[in-house]
């Protein structure tokens, strides 16, 4: 919802929490969540790279990974 409302930076924290929480799930379940979250993070980065990079650093203490800078999946809205 945050991404759909162009609140790209605000989407980083909940998406990152979902990604981290998926590590606790069985791999066959987690794979779908990880793929969906990664694509949403790519969409957010494409929408506002600076805000997403700043928030990602705050949330994770790391720079935006290279995979996040790639275009989001053509199958996603």
PDB file of N, CA and C in Angstrom:
ATOM      1  N   UNK A   1       0.814  -1.177   0.000  1.00  0.00           N
ATOM      2  CA  UNK A   1       0.000   0.000   0.000  1.00  0.00           C
ATOM      3  C   UNK A   1       0.871   1.260   0.000  1.00  0.00           C
ATOM      4  N   UNK A   2       1.957   1.247   0.762  1.00  0.00           N
ATOM      5  CA  UNK A   2       2.834   2.413   0.814  1.00  0.00           C
ATOM      6  C   UNK A   2       3.439   2.708  -0.558  1.00  0.00           C
ATOM      7  N   UNK A   3       3.840   1.670  -1.250  1.00  0.00           N
ATOM      8  CA  UNK A   3       4.425   1.868  -2.587  1.00  0.00           C
ATOM      9  C   UNK A   3       3.371   2.401  -3.544  1.00  0.00           C
ATOM     10  N   UNK A   4       2.174   1.868  -3.484  1.00  0.00           N
ATOM     11  CA  UNK A   4       1.103   2.337  -4.357  1.00  0.00           C
ATOM     12  C   UNK A   4       0.782   3.811  -4.111  1.00  0.00           C
ATOM     13  N   UNK A   5       1.027   4.288  -2.889  1.00  0.00           N
ATOM     14  CA  UNK A   5       0.781   5.683  -2.542  1.00  0.00           C
ATOM     15  C   UNK A   5       2.046   6.534  -2.628  1.00  0.00           C
ATOM     16  N   UNK A   6       3.040   6.018  -3.325  1.00  0.00           N
ATOM     17  CA  UNK A   6       4.320   6.717  -3.550  1.00  0.00           C
ATOM     18  C   UNK A   6       5.041   7.080  -2.258  1.00  0.00           C
ATOM     19  N   UNK A   7       4.870   6.283  -1.240  1.00  0.00           N
ATOM     20  CA  UNK A   7       5.584   6.474   0.033  1.00  0.00           C
ATOM     21  C   UNK A   7       6.717   5.449   0.090  1.00  0.00           C
ATOM     22  N   UNK A   8       7.627   5.601  -0.860  1.00  0.00           N
ATOM     23  CA  UNK A   8       8.663   4.604  -1.103  1.00  0.00           C
ATOM     24  C   UNK A   8       9.600   4.411   0.087  1.00  0.00           C
ATOM     25  N   UNK A   9      10.074   5.500   0.677  1.00  0.00           N
ATOM     26  CA  UNK A   9      10.956   5.392   1.832  1.00  0.00           C
ATOM     27  C   UNK A   9      10.276   4.726   3.013  1.00  0.00           C
ATOM     28  N   UNK A  10       9.007   5.058   3.227  1.00  0.00           N
ATOM     29  CA  UNK A  10       8.251   4.481   4.342  1.00  0.00           C
ATOM     30  C   UNK A  10       8.028   2.982   4.178  1.00  0.00           C
ATOM     31  N   UNK A  11       8.105   2.489   2.963  1.00  0.00           N
ATOM     32  CA  UNK A  11       7.885   1.065   2.700  1.00  0.00           C
ATOM     33  C   UNK A  11       9.084   0.207   3.089  1.00  0.00           C
ATOM     34  N   UNK A  12      10.247   0.811   3.220  1.00  0.00           N
ATOM     35  CA  UNK A  12      11.472   0.033   3.451  1.00  0.00           C
ATOM     36  C   UNK A  12      11.428  -0.739   4.767  1.00  0.00           C
ATOM     37  N   UNK A  13      11.071  -0.098   5.866  1.00  0.00           N
ATOM     38  CA  UNK A  13      11.098  -0.771   7.170  1.00  0.00           C
ATOM     39  C   UNK A  13      10.171  -1.985   7.222  1.00  0.00           C
ATOM     40  N   UNK A  14       8.891  -1.860   6.857  1.00  0.00           N
ATOM     41  CA  UNK A  14       8.040  -3.056   6.936  1.00  0.00           C
ATOM     42  C   UNK A  14       8.462  -4.153   5.953  1.00  0.00           C
ATOM     43  N   UNK A  15       8.943  -3.755   4.789  1.00  0.00           N
ATOM     44  CA  UNK A  15       9.398  -4.767   3.830  1.00  0.00           C
ATOM     45  C   UNK A  15      10.639  -5.488   4.348  1.00  0.00           C
ATOM     46  N   UNK A  16      11.530  -4.751   4.958  1.00  0.00           N
ATOM     47  CA  UNK A  16      12.728  -5.372   5.516  1.00  0.00           C
ATOM     48  C   UNK A  16      12.365  -6.303   6.659  1.00  0.00           C
ATOM     49  N   UNK A  17      11.417  -5.900   7.501  1.00  0.00           N
ATOM     50  CA  UNK A  17      10.957  -6.777   8.590  1.00  0.00           C
ATOM     51  C   UNK A  17      10.341  -8.060   8.026  1.00  0.00           C
ATOM     52  N   UNK A  18       9.567  -7.946   6.966  1.00  0.00           N
ATOM     53  CA  UNK A  18       8.965  -9.136   6.345  1.00  0.00           C
ATOM     54  C   UNK A  18      10.043 -10.056   5.796  1.00  0.00           C
ATOM     55  N   UNK A  19      11.046  -9.468   5.176  1.00  0.00           N
ATOM     56  CA  UNK A  19      12.140 -10.258   4.620  1.00  0.00           C
ATOM     57  C   UNK A  19      12.882 -10.999   5.735  1.00  0.00           C
ATOM     58  N   UNK A  20      13.175 -10.306   6.825  1.00  0.00           N
ATOM     59  CA  UNK A  20      13.872 -10.938   7.943  1.00  0.00           C
ATOM     60  C   UNK A  20      13.016 -12.014   8.596  1.00  0.00           C
ATOM     61  N   UNK A  21      11.730 -11.749   8.754  1.00  0.00           N
ATOM     62  CA  UNK A  21      10.827 -12.735   9.358  1.00  0.00           C
ATOM     63  C   UNK A  21      10.704 -13.986   8.497  1.00  0.00           C
ATOM     64  N   UNK A  22      10.823 -13.828   7.192  1.00  0.00           N
ATOM     65  CA  UNK A  22      10.695 -14.983   6.295  1.00  0.00           C
ATOM     66  C   UNK A  22      11.815 -15.994   6.511  1.00  0.00           C
ATOM     67  N   UNK A  23      12.897 -15.576   7.103  1.00  0.00           N
ATOM     68  CA  UNK A  23      14.010 -16.492   7.386  1.00  0.00           C
ATOM     69  C   UNK A  23      13.621 -17.559   8.397  1.00  0.00           C
ATOM     70  N   UNK A  24      12.576 -17.304   9.169  1.00  0.00           N
ATOM     71  CA  UNK A  24      12.115 -18.248  10.184  1.00  0.00           C
ATOM     72  C   UNK A  24      11.168 -19.303   9.601  1.00  0.00           C
ATOM     73  N   UNK A  25      10.757 -19.116   8.363  1.00  0.00           N
ATOM     74  CA  UNK A  25       9.799 -20.020   7.728  1.00  0.00           C
ATOM     75  C   UNK A  25      10.517 -21.119   6.950  1.00  0.00           C
ATOM     76  N   UNK A  26       9.815 -22.216   6.666  1.00  0.00           N
ATOM     77  CA  UNK A  26      10.407 -23.239   5.807  1.00  0.00           C
ATOM     78  C   UNK A  26      10.767 -22.628   4.440  1.00  0.00           C
ATOM     79  N   UNK A  27      11.827 -23.118   3.848  1.00  0.00           N
ATOM     80  CA  UNK A  27      12.327 -22.541   2.599  1.00  0.00           C
ATOM     81  C   UNK A  27      11.275 -22.505   1.496  1.00  0.00           C
ATOM     82  N   UNK A  28      10.456 -23.544   1.381  1.00  0.00           N
ATOM     83  CA  UNK A  28       9.472 -23.559   0.304  1.00  0.00           C
ATOM     84  C   UNK A  28       8.423 -22.453   0.460  1.00  0.00           C
ATOM     85  N   UNK A  29       8.197 -21.993   1.677  1.00  0.00           N
ATOM     86  CA  UNK A  29       7.283 -20.875   1.925  1.00  0.00           C
ATOM     87  C   UNK A  29       8.031 -19.554   1.801  1.00  0.00           C
ATOM     88  N   UNK A  30       9.201 -19.502   2.378  1.00  0.00           N
ATOM     89  CA  UNK A  30       9.996 -18.274   2.407  1.00  0.00           C
ATOM     90  C   UNK A  30      10.368 -17.795   1.006  1.00  0.00           C
ATOM     91  N   UNK A  31      10.619 -18.689   0.090  1.00  0.00           N
ATOM     92  CA  UNK A  31      11.054 -18.316  -1.255  1.00  0.00           C
ATOM     93  C   UNK A  31      10.060 -17.354  -1.905  1.00  0.00           C
ATOM     94  N   UNK A  32       8.783 -17.629  -1.804  1.00  0.00           N
ATOM     95  CA  UNK A  32       7.767 -16.749  -2.397  1.00  0.00           C
ATOM     96  C   UNK A  32       7.739 -15.384  -1.722  1.00  0.00           C
ATOM     97  N   UNK A  33       7.915 -15.373  -0.417  1.00  0.00           N
ATOM     98  CA  UNK A  33       7.914 -14.111   0.321  1.00  0.00           C
ATOM     99  C   UNK A  33       9.142 -13.301  -0.043  1.00  0.00           C
ATOM    100  N   UNK A  34      10.294 -13.926  -0.050  1.00  0.00           N
ATOM    101  CA  UNK A  34      11.542 -13.235  -0.390  1.00  0.00           C
ATOM    102  C   UNK A  34      11.456 -12.647  -1.791  1.00  0.00           C
ATOM    103  N   UNK A  35      10.963 -13.411  -2.739  1.00  0.00           N
ATOM    104  CA  UNK A  35      10.839 -12.914  -4.117  1.00  0.00           C
ATOM    105  C   UNK A  35       9.900 -11.711  -4.190  1.00  0.00           C
ATOM    106  N   UNK A  36       8.769 -11.796  -3.503  1.00  0.00           N
ATOM    107  CA  UNK A  36       7.802 -10.695  -3.521  1.00  0.00           C
ATOM    108  C   UNK A  36       8.368  -9.451  -2.849  1.00  0.00           C
ATOM    109  N   UNK A  37       9.008  -9.618  -1.701  1.00  0.00           N
ATOM    110  CA  UNK A  37       9.588  -8.482  -0.988  1.00  0.00           C
ATOM    111  C   UNK A  37      10.707  -7.847  -1.804  1.00  0.00           C
ATOM    112  N   UNK A  38      11.549  -8.669  -2.406  1.00  0.00           N
ATOM    113  CA  UNK A  38      12.644  -8.139  -3.230  1.00  0.00           C
ATOM    114  C   UNK A  38      12.090  -7.311  -4.375  1.00  0.00           C
ATOM    115  N   UNK A  39      11.041  -7.787  -5.009  1.00  0.00           N
ATOM    116  CA  UNK A  39      10.469  -7.044  -6.125  1.00  0.00           C
ATOM    117  C   UNK A  39       9.847  -5.729  -5.647  1.00  0.00           C
ATOM    118  N   UNK A  40       9.198  -5.748  -4.488  1.00  0.00           N
ATOM    119  CA  UNK A  40       8.633  -4.513  -3.938  1.00  0.00           C
ATOM    120  C   UNK A  40       9.731  -3.518  -3.566  1.00  0.00           C
ATOM    121  N   UNK A  41      10.828  -4.009  -3.015  1.00  0.00           N
ATOM    122  CA  UNK A  41      11.945  -3.121  -2.702  1.00  0.00           C
ATOM    123  C   UNK A  41      12.541  -2.520  -3.976  1.00  0.00           C
ATOM    124  N   UNK A  42      12.601  -3.305  -5.036  1.00  0.00           N
ATOM    125  CA  UNK A  42      13.072  -2.775  -6.329  1.00  0.00           C
ATOM    126  C   UNK A  42      12.129  -1.682  -6.834  1.00  0.00           C
ATOM    127  N   UNK A  43      10.832  -1.915  -6.706  1.00  0.00           N
ATOM    128  CA  UNK A  43       9.854  -0.898  -7.127  1.00  0.00           C
ATOM    129  C   UNK A  43      10.010   0.375  -6.312  1.00  0.00           C
ATOM    130  N   UNK A  44      10.206   0.229  -5.021  1.00  0.00           N
ATOM    131  CA  UNK A  44      10.388   1.390  -4.163  1.00  0.00           C
ATOM    132  C   UNK A  44      11.653   2.151  -4.555  1.00  0.00           C
ATOM    133  N   UNK A  45      12.731   1.435  -4.779  1.00  0.00           N
ATOM    134  CA  UNK A  45      13.991   2.073  -5.160  1.00  0.00           C
ATOM    135  C   UNK A  45      13.834   2.813  -6.488  1.00  0.00           C
ATOM    136  N   UNK A  46      13.131   2.206  -7.421  1.00  0.00           N
ATOM    137  CA  UNK A  46      12.897   2.859  -8.716  1.00  0.00           C
ATOM    138  C   UNK A  46      12.056   4.117  -8.547  1.00  0.00           C
ATOM    139  N   UNK A  47      11.160   4.128  -7.569  1.00  0.00           N
ATOM    140  CA  UNK A  47      10.288   5.273  -7.338  1.00  0.00           C
ATOM    141  C   UNK A  47      10.981   6.448  -6.684  1.00  0.00           C
ATOM    142  N   UNK A  48      11.907   6.167  -5.768  1.00  0.00           N
ATOM    143  CA  UNK A  48      12.627   7.244  -5.070  1.00  0.00           C
ATOM    144  C   UNK A  48      13.914   6.661  -4.491  1.00  0.00           C
ATOM    145  N   UNK A  49      14.926   6.586  -5.327  1.00  0.00           N
ATOM    146  CA  UNK A  49      16.186   5.941  -4.951  1.00  0.00           C
ATOM    147  C   UNK A  49      16.810   6.571  -3.709  1.00  0.00           C
ATOM    148  N   UNK A  50      16.824   7.884  -3.617  1.00  0.00           N
ATOM    149  CA  UNK A  50      17.473   8.555  -2.495  1.00  0.00           C
ATOM    150  C   UNK A  50      16.771   8.249  -1.177  1.00  0.00           C
ATOM    151  N   UNK A  51      15.456   8.359  -1.144  1.00  0.00           N
ATOM    152  CA  UNK A  51      14.705   8.097   0.091  1.00  0.00           C
ATOM    153  C   UNK A  51      14.829   6.644   0.520  1.00  0.00           C
ATOM    154  N   UNK A  52      14.755   5.744  -0.446  1.00  0.00           N
ATOM    155  CA  UNK A  52      14.861   4.321  -0.129  1.00  0.00           C
ATOM    156  C   UNK A  52      16.267   3.992   0.363  1.00  0.00           C
ATOM    157  N   UNK A  53      17.287   4.527  -0.282  1.00  0.00           N
ATOM    158  CA  UNK A  53      18.665   4.279   0.144  1.00  0.00           C
ATOM    159  C   UNK A  53      18.890   4.797   1.560  1.00  0.00           C
ATOM    160  N   UNK A  54      18.399   5.993   1.847  1.00  0.00           N
ATOM    161  CA  UNK A  54      18.548   6.560   3.190  1.00  0.00           C
ATOM    162  C   UNK A  54      17.862   5.685   4.239  1.00  0.00           C
ATOM    163  N   UNK A  55      16.626   5.301   3.978  1.00  0.00           N
ATOM    164  CA  UNK A  55      15.868   4.494   4.938  1.00  0.00           C
ATOM    165  C   UNK A  55      16.472   3.104   5.074  1.00  0.00           C
ATOM    166  N   UNK A  56      16.946   2.537   3.977  1.00  0.00           N
ATOM    167  CA  UNK A  56      17.569   1.216   4.027  1.00  0.00           C
ATOM    168  C   UNK A  56      18.804   1.251   4.926  1.00  0.00           C
ATOM    169  N   UNK A  57      19.591   2.324   4.831  1.00  0.00           N
ATOM    170  CA  UNK A  57      20.772   2.478   5.696  1.00  0.00           C
ATOM    171  C   UNK A  57      20.362   2.586   7.166  1.00  0.00           C
ATOM    172  N   UNK A  58      19.282   3.321   7.433  1.00  0.00           N
ATOM    173  CA  UNK A  58      18.804   3.465   8.813  1.00  0.00           C
ATOM    174  C   UNK A  58      18.350   2.108   9.361  1.00  0.00           C
ATOM    175  N   UNK A  59      17.601   1.379   8.566  1.00  0.00           N
ATOM    176  CA  UNK A  59      17.007   0.119   9.017  1.00  0.00           C
ATOM    177  C   UNK A  59      18.042  -0.998   9.131  1.00  0.00           C
ATOM    178  N   UNK A  60      18.957  -1.077   8.160  1.00  0.00           N
ATOM    179  CA  UNK A  60      19.881  -2.213   8.109  1.00  0.00           C
ATOM    180  C   UNK A  60      21.318  -1.871   8.479  1.00  0.00           C
ATOM    181  N   UNK A  61      21.668  -0.604   8.417  1.00  0.00           N
ATOM    182  CA  UNK A  61      23.054  -0.212   8.634  1.00  0.00           C
ATOM    183  C   UNK A  61      23.944  -0.492   7.440  1.00  0.00           C
ATOM    184  N   UNK A  62      23.321  -0.786   6.305  1.00  0.00           N
ATOM    185  CA  UNK A  62      24.066  -1.136   5.094  1.00  0.00           C
ATOM    186  C   UNK A  62      23.601  -0.285   3.920  1.00  0.00           C
ATOM    187  N   UNK A  63      24.448  -0.228   2.903  1.00  0.00           N
ATOM    188  CA  UNK A  63      24.050   0.427   1.662  1.00  0.00           C
ATOM    189  C   UNK A  63      23.089  -0.470   0.901  1.00  0.00           C
ATOM    190  N   UNK A  64      22.344   0.128  -0.004  1.00  0.00           N
ATOM    191  CA  UNK A  64      21.406  -0.627  -0.845  1.00  0.00           C
ATOM    192  C   UNK A  64      22.189  -1.667  -1.646  1.00  0.00           C
ATOM    193  N   UNK A  65      21.761  -2.931  -1.614  1.00  0.00           N
ATOM    194  CA  UNK A  65      22.452  -3.958  -2.389  1.00  0.00           C
ATOM    195  C   UNK A  65      22.214  -3.776  -3.892  1.00  0.00           C
ATOM    196  N   UNK A  66      23.118  -4.290  -4.681  1.00  0.00           N
ATOM    197  CA  UNK A  66      23.038  -4.167  -6.135  1.00  0.00           C
ATOM    198  C   UNK A  66      21.728  -4.729  -6.680  1.00  0.00           C
ATOM    199  N   UNK A  67      21.252  -5.847  -6.128  1.00  0.00           N
ATOM    200  CA  UNK A  67      20.024  -6.463  -6.650  1.00  0.00           C
ATOM    201  C   UNK A  67      18.825  -5.535  -6.523  1.00  0.00           C
ATOM    202  N   UNK A  68      18.843  -4.646  -5.532  1.00  0.00           N
ATOM    203  CA  UNK A  68      17.707  -3.747  -5.335  1.00  0.00           C
ATOM    204  C   UNK A  68      17.649  -2.674  -6.433  1.00  0.00           C
ATOM    205  N   UNK A  69      18.772  -2.408  -7.037  1.00  0.00           N
ATOM    206  CA  UNK A  69      18.838  -1.386  -8.081  1.00  0.00           C
ATOM    207  C   UNK A  69      18.368  -1.907  -9.439  1.00  0.00           C
ATOM    208  N   UNK A  70      18.182  -3.209  -9.555  1.00  0.00           N
ATOM    209  CA  UNK A  70      17.709  -3.815 -10.804  1.00  0.00           C
ATOM    210  C   UNK A  70      16.236  -3.534 -10.996  1.00  0.00           C
ATOM    211  N   UNK A  71      15.781  -3.464 -12.240  1.00  0.00           N
ATOM    212  CA  UNK A  71      14.332  -3.238 -12.494  1.00  0.00           C
ATOM    213  C   UNK A  71      13.489  -4.337 -11.857  1.00  0.00           C
ATOM    214  N   UNK A  72      12.288  -3.953 -11.400  1.00  0.00           N
ATOM    215  CA  UNK A  72      11.414  -4.963 -10.810  1.00  0.00           C
ATOM    216  C   UNK A  72      10.869  -5.879 -11.888  1.00  0.00           C
ATOM    217  N   UNK A  73      10.337  -7.000 -11.481  1.00  0.00           N
ATOM    218  CA  UNK A  73       9.843  -8.037 -12.386  1.00  0.00           C
ATOM    219  C   UNK A  73       8.765  -7.506 -13.309  1.00  0.00           C
ATOM    220  N   UNK A  74       8.826  -7.894 -14.557  1.00  0.00           N
ATOM    221  CA  UNK A  74       7.825  -7.494 -15.546  1.00  0.00           C
ATOM    222  C   UNK A  74       6.462  -8.094 -15.227  1.00  0.00           C
ATOM    223  N   UNK A  75       6.428  -9.149 -14.396  1.00  0.00           N
ATOM    224  CA  UNK A  75       5.152  -9.781 -14.053  1.00  0.00           C
ATOM    225  C   UNK A  75       4.441  -9.052 -12.930  1.00  0.00           C
ATOM    226  N   UNK A  76       5.138  -8.166 -12.243  1.00  0.00           N
ATOM    227  CA  UNK A  76       4.511  -7.416 -11.157  1.00  0.00           C
ATOM    228  C   UNK A  76       3.872  -6.159 -11.699  1.00  0.00           C
ATOM    229  N   UNK A  77       2.825  -5.675 -11.011  1.00  0.00           N
ATOM    230  CA  UNK A  77       2.097  -4.490 -11.396  1.00  0.00           C
ATOM    231  C   UNK A  77       2.898  -3.308 -11.341  1.00  0.00           C
TER     232      UNK A  77
END
